[in-house]
Amino acid sequence: MNAMDVIILNFQEIRSRSERVWKAIPDEMLDWKPDNEAFTCAEMIRHILQAEFLYHQVLIGRGGKILADVFNPFEGKAFISVENELQFAKPYREKFLTYLQSIPIDDLENIDIDLLEAGGYVKKLGDMLLRIAYHESVHTGQLLNYMRTMGVDRPHIWN
């Protein structure tokens, strides 16, 4: 198993656990949020799926400049259900995973992703991929905390 195989496996494992969490949130609790400044559960799920699409565009363009010209299919779309969100995001997820599979290992260290104009940083492609995966992991952990606070049973995600 090479570095790219491990990165792809990590993305798949994270999504598997995320989906278990998302599907365990009762429909009547999807609009719950811990305070007025926080995302609702539905907004958090949408944020994760939309962010992956946008990160993919950033990776393709090797930086944040490209986002000004990208059509965002998630923008303005009503949240209907977790299953609907997953179905809507599925083709974008598949394109993202296909893109990952096309990355030569040398590119992980030799390609820079420049997000300076977007208020960010310049990172190596490999570092950026790990940050993208971490983003979803953090938000899924937040949703587990939301569920604890709501008094909702949390799924076992460690298999």
C-alpha atoms as a PDB file:
ATOM      1  CA  MET A   1       0.000   0.000   0.000  1.00  0.00           C
ATOM      2  CA  ASN A   2       1.475   3.349  -1.007  1.00  0.00           C
ATOM      3  CA  ALA A   3       0.819   6.840   0.383  1.00  0.00           C
ATOM      4  CA  MET A   4      -2.032   7.563  -2.050  1.00  0.00           C
ATOM      5  CA  ASP A   5      -3.725   4.267  -1.210  1.00  0.00           C
ATOM      6  CA  VAL A   6      -3.594   5.191   2.486  1.00  0.00           C
ATOM      7  CA  ILE A   7      -4.972   8.683   1.830  1.00  0.00           C
ATOM      8  CA  ILE A   8      -7.871   7.288  -0.222  1.00  0.00           C
ATOM      9  CA  LEU A   9      -8.594   4.644   2.425  1.00  0.00           C
ATOM     10  CA  ASN A  10      -8.621   7.395   5.054  1.00  0.00           C
ATOM     11  CA  PHE A  11     -11.202   9.397   3.072  1.00  0.00           C
ATOM     12  CA  GLN A  12     -13.371   6.291   2.688  1.00  0.00           C
ATOM     13  CA  GLU A  13     -13.133   5.358   6.358  1.00  0.00           C
ATOM     14  CA  ILE A  14     -13.977   8.891   7.489  1.00  0.00           C
ATOM     15  CA  ARG A  15     -17.020   9.054   5.214  1.00  0.00           C
ATOM     16  CA  SER A  16     -18.225   5.666   6.373  1.00  0.00           C
ATOM     17  CA  ARG A  17     -18.188   6.853   9.973  1.00  0.00           C
ATOM     18  CA  SER A  18     -19.678  10.229   9.079  1.00  0.00           C
ATOM     19  CA  GLU A  19     -22.602   8.583   7.324  1.00  0.00           C
ATOM     20  CA  ARG A  20     -23.294   6.394  10.365  1.00  0.00           C
ATOM     21  CA  VAL A  21     -23.465   9.514  12.510  1.00  0.00           C
ATOM     22  CA  TRP A  22     -25.560  11.523  10.044  1.00  0.00           C
ATOM     23  CA  LYS A  23     -28.094   8.710   9.569  1.00  0.00           C
ATOM     24  CA  ALA A  24     -28.453   8.296  13.337  1.00  0.00           C
ATOM     25  CA  ILE A  25     -29.679  11.870  13.834  1.00  0.00           C
ATOM     26  CA  PRO A  26     -33.487  11.759  14.112  1.00  0.00           C
ATOM     27  CA  ASP A  27     -35.196  13.738  11.347  1.00  0.00           C
ATOM     28  CA  GLU A  28     -36.924  15.944  13.904  1.00  0.00           C
ATOM     29  CA  MET A  29     -33.508  16.942  15.319  1.00  0.00           C
ATOM     30  CA  LEU A  30     -31.824  17.966  12.053  1.00  0.00           C
ATOM     31  CA  ASP A  31     -32.655  21.627  12.736  1.00  0.00           C
ATOM     32  CA  TRP A  32     -31.204  21.493  16.274  1.00  0.00           C
ATOM     33  CA  LYS A  33     -28.144  23.560  17.135  1.00  0.00           C
ATOM     34  CA  PRO A  34     -26.444  24.234  20.467  1.00  0.00           C
ATOM     35  CA  ASP A  35     -26.618  28.037  20.178  1.00  0.00           C
ATOM     36  CA  ASN A  36     -27.658  30.770  17.754  1.00  0.00           C
ATOM     37  CA  GLU A  37     -24.210  31.059  16.166  1.00  0.00           C
ATOM     38  CA  ALA A  38     -23.732  27.338  15.481  1.00  0.00           C
ATOM     39  CA  PHE A  39     -24.660  25.245  12.460  1.00  0.00           C
ATOM     40  CA  THR A  40     -27.767  23.095  12.750  1.00  0.00           C
ATOM     41  CA  CYS A  41     -27.170  19.374  12.246  1.00  0.00           C
ATOM     42  CA  ALA A  42     -28.452  19.702   8.669  1.00  0.00           C
ATOM     43  CA  GLU A  43     -26.257  22.733   7.999  1.00  0.00           C
ATOM     44  CA  MET A  44     -23.217  20.867   9.320  1.00  0.00           C
ATOM     45  CA  ILE A  45     -23.870  17.900   7.015  1.00  0.00           C
ATOM     46  CA  ARG A  46     -24.374  20.235   4.055  1.00  0.00           C
ATOM     47  CA  HIS A  47     -21.211  22.141   4.995  1.00  0.00           C
ATOM     48  CA  ILE A  48     -19.156  18.936   4.964  1.00  0.00           C
ATOM     49  CA  LEU A  49     -20.484  17.749   1.604  1.00  0.00           C
ATOM     50  CA  GLN A  50     -20.249  21.183  -0.001  1.00  0.00           C
ATOM     51  CA  ALA A  51     -16.753  21.725   1.368  1.00  0.00           C
ATOM     52  CA  GLU A  52     -15.542  18.497  -0.210  1.00  0.00           C
ATOM     53  CA  PHE A  53     -16.863  19.674  -3.584  1.00  0.00           C
ATOM     54  CA  LEU A  54     -15.197  23.076  -3.158  1.00  0.00           C
ATOM     55  CA  TYR A  55     -11.932  21.566  -1.915  1.00  0.00           C
ATOM     56  CA  HIS A  56     -11.922  19.365  -5.014  1.00  0.00           C
ATOM     57  CA  GLN A  57     -12.192  22.480  -7.181  1.00  0.00           C
ATOM     58  CA  VAL A  58      -9.339  24.081  -5.225  1.00  0.00           C
ATOM     59  CA  LEU A  59      -7.172  21.011  -5.777  1.00  0.00           C
ATOM     60  CA  ILE A  60      -7.904  20.964  -9.509  1.00  0.00           C
ATOM     61  CA  GLY A  61      -7.005  24.659  -9.777  1.00  0.00           C
ATOM     62  CA  ARG A  62      -4.150  24.333  -7.274  1.00  0.00           C
ATOM     63  CA  GLY A  63      -5.507  27.209  -5.262  1.00  0.00           C
ATOM     64  CA  GLY A  64      -8.381  29.370  -4.138  1.00  0.00           C
ATOM     65  CA  LYS A  65      -8.499  31.687  -7.169  1.00  0.00           C
ATOM     66  CA  ILE A  66     -10.586  29.171  -9.080  1.00  0.00           C
ATOM     67  CA  LEU A  67     -13.512  29.339  -6.639  1.00  0.00           C
ATOM     68  CA  ALA A  68     -14.708  32.701  -7.984  1.00  0.00           C
ATOM     69  CA  ASP A  69     -15.495  31.007 -11.315  1.00  0.00           C
ATOM     70  CA  VAL A  70     -16.931  27.721 -10.027  1.00  0.00           C
ATOM     71  CA  PHE A  71     -20.627  26.919 -10.121  1.00  0.00           C
ATOM     72  CA  ASN A  72     -21.526  25.576  -6.683  1.00  0.00           C
ATOM     73  CA  PRO A  73     -24.363  23.033  -7.105  1.00  0.00           C
ATOM     74  CA  PHE A  74     -25.002  23.057  -3.342  1.00  0.00           C
ATOM     75  CA  GLU A  75     -25.679  26.798  -3.203  1.00  0.00           C
ATOM     76  CA  GLY A  76     -29.354  27.507  -2.573  1.00  0.00           C
ATOM     77  CA  LYS A  77     -30.353  23.822  -2.544  1.00  0.00           C
ATOM     78  CA  ALA A  78     -32.914  23.026   0.140  1.00  0.00           C
ATOM     79  CA  PHE A  79     -31.947  20.351   2.675  1.00  0.00           C
ATOM     80  CA  ILE A  80     -34.579  17.616   2.442  1.00  0.00           C
ATOM     81  CA  SER A  81     -33.051  14.662   4.269  1.00  0.00           C
ATOM     82  CA  VAL A  82     -29.717  13.045   5.005  1.00  0.00           C
ATOM     83  CA  GLU A  83     -30.370  10.410   2.351  1.00  0.00           C
ATOM     84  CA  ASN A  84     -31.276  13.089  -0.203  1.00  0.00           C
ATOM     85  CA  GLU A  85     -28.046  14.977   0.590  1.00  0.00           C
ATOM     86  CA  LEU A  86     -25.983  11.830   0.159  1.00  0.00           C
ATOM     87  CA  GLN A  87     -27.638  11.001  -3.155  1.00  0.00           C
ATOM     88  CA  PHE A  88     -27.160  14.556  -4.395  1.00  0.00           C
ATOM     89  CA  ALA A  89     -23.492  14.578  -3.358  1.00  0.00           C
ATOM     90  CA  LYS A  90     -22.746  11.060  -4.654  1.00  0.00           C
ATOM     91  CA  PRO A  91     -21.586  12.019  -8.181  1.00  0.00           C
ATOM     92  CA  TYR A  92     -19.361  14.768  -6.743  1.00  0.00           C
ATOM     93  CA  ARG A  93     -17.919  12.324  -4.226  1.00  0.00           C
ATOM     94  CA  GLU A  94     -17.219   9.809  -6.991  1.00  0.00           C
ATOM     95  CA  LYS A  95     -15.444  12.474  -9.073  1.00  0.00           C
ATOM     96  CA  PHE A  96     -13.394  13.459  -6.034  1.00  0.00           C
ATOM     97  CA  LEU A  97     -12.316   9.865  -5.361  1.00  0.00           C
ATOM     98  CA  THR A  98     -11.500   9.374  -9.064  1.00  0.00           C
ATOM     99  CA  TYR A  99      -9.397  12.530  -8.922  1.00  0.00           C
ATOM    100  CA  LEU A 100      -7.547  11.200  -5.865  1.00  0.00           C
ATOM    101  CA  GLN A 101      -6.844   7.933  -7.671  1.00  0.00           C
ATOM    102  CA  SER A 102      -5.270   9.875 -10.540  1.00  0.00           C
ATOM    103  CA  ILE A 103      -2.708  11.700  -8.375  1.00  0.00           C
ATOM    104  CA  PRO A 104       0.866  10.506  -8.905  1.00  0.00           C
ATOM    105  CA  ILE A 105       2.639   9.915  -5.585  1.00  0.00           C
ATOM    106  CA  ASP A 106       5.366  12.447  -6.444  1.00  0.00           C
ATOM    107  CA  ASP A 107       2.704  15.163  -6.671  1.00  0.00           C
ATOM    108  CA  LEU A 108       1.964  14.860  -2.949  1.00  0.00           C
ATOM    109  CA  GLU A 109       5.235  16.624  -2.185  1.00  0.00           C
ATOM    110  CA  ASN A 110       5.821  18.548  -5.412  1.00  0.00           C
ATOM    111  CA  ILE A 111       2.486  20.325  -5.964  1.00  0.00           C
ATOM    112  CA  ASP A 112       1.625  23.443  -3.960  1.00  0.00           C
ATOM    113  CA  ILE A 113      -1.962  24.434  -3.209  1.00  0.00           C
ATOM    114  CA  ASP A 114      -2.076  28.216  -2.851  1.00  0.00           C
ATOM    115  CA  LEU A 115      -4.889  29.582  -0.711  1.00  0.00           C
ATOM    116  CA  LEU A 116      -3.199  32.873   0.201  1.00  0.00           C
ATOM    117  CA  GLU A 117      -5.669  35.034  -1.738  1.00  0.00           C
ATOM    118  CA  ALA A 118      -8.517  33.296   0.067  1.00  0.00           C
ATOM    119  CA  GLY A 119      -6.981  34.289   3.398  1.00  0.00           C
ATOM    120  CA  GLY A 120      -5.238  31.002   3.947  1.00  0.00           C
ATOM    121  CA  TYR A 121      -1.893  29.422   3.282  1.00  0.00           C
ATOM    122  CA  VAL A 122       0.255  27.526   0.796  1.00  0.00           C
ATOM    123  CA  LYS A 123       0.474  23.796   1.491  1.00  0.00           C
ATOM    124  CA  LYS A 124       1.845  20.767  -0.285  1.00  0.00           C
ATOM    125  CA  LEU A 125      -0.833  18.641  -1.964  1.00  0.00           C
ATOM    126  CA  GLY A 126      -0.302  15.771   0.479  1.00  0.00           C
ATOM    127  CA  ASP A 127      -0.718  18.090   3.470  1.00  0.00           C
ATOM    128  CA  MET A 128      -3.815  19.627   1.910  1.00  0.00           C
ATOM    129  CA  LEU A 129      -5.424  16.225   1.376  1.00  0.00           C
ATOM    130  CA  LEU A 130      -4.918  15.373   5.043  1.00  0.00           C
ATOM    131  CA  ARG A 131      -6.430  18.728   6.051  1.00  0.00           C
ATOM    132  CA  ILE A 132      -9.494  18.059   3.901  1.00  0.00           C
ATOM    133  CA  ALA A 133     -10.033  14.689   5.562  1.00  0.00           C
ATOM    134  CA  TYR A 134      -9.481  16.223   8.995  1.00  0.00           C
ATOM    135  CA  HIS A 135     -12.148  18.863   8.259  1.00  0.00           C
ATOM    136  CA  GLU A 136     -14.819  16.188   7.875  1.00  0.00           C
ATOM    137  CA  SER A 137     -13.571  14.297  10.939  1.00  0.00           C
ATOM    138  CA  VAL A 138     -13.772  17.369  13.156  1.00  0.00           C
ATOM    139  CA  HIS A 139     -17.307  18.221  12.075  1.00  0.00           C
ATOM    140  CA  THR A 140     -18.451  14.636  12.513  1.00  0.00           C
ATOM    141  CA  GLY A 141     -17.064  14.772  16.048  1.00  0.00           C
ATOM    142  CA  GLN A 142     -19.027  17.970  16.610  1.00  0.00           C
ATOM    143  CA  LEU A 143     -22.198  16.205  15.482  1.00  0.00           C
ATOM    144  CA  LEU A 144     -21.519  13.392  17.953  1.00  0.00           C
ATOM    145  CA  ASN A 145     -21.292  16.050  20.649  1.00  0.00           C
ATOM    146  CA  TYR A 146     -24.547  17.608  19.408  1.00  0.00           C
ATOM    147  CA  MET A 147     -26.184  14.184  19.741  1.00  0.00           C
ATOM    148  CA  ARG A 148     -24.878  13.778  23.281  1.00  0.00           C
ATOM    149  CA  THR A 149     -26.223  17.224  24.190  1.00  0.00           C
ATOM    150  CA  MET A 150     -29.604  16.447  22.586  1.00  0.00           C
ATOM    151  CA  GLY A 151     -29.785  13.190  24.528  1.00  0.00           C
ATOM    152  CA  VAL A 152     -29.871  11.158  21.307  1.00  0.00           C
ATOM    153  CA  ASP A 153     -28.301   7.711  21.108  1.00  0.00           C
ATOM    154  CA  ARG A 154     -24.980   7.908  19.312  1.00  0.00           C
ATOM    155  CA  PRO A 155     -23.902   5.200  16.870  1.00  0.00           C
ATOM    156  CA  HIS A 156     -20.856   3.085  17.509  1.00  0.00           C
ATOM    157  CA  ILE A 157     -18.410   4.254  14.863  1.00  0.00           C
ATOM    158  CA  TRP A 158     -15.319   2.307  15.932  1.00  0.00           C
ATOM    159  CA  ASN A 159     -15.358  -1.094  14.298  1.00  0.00           C
END
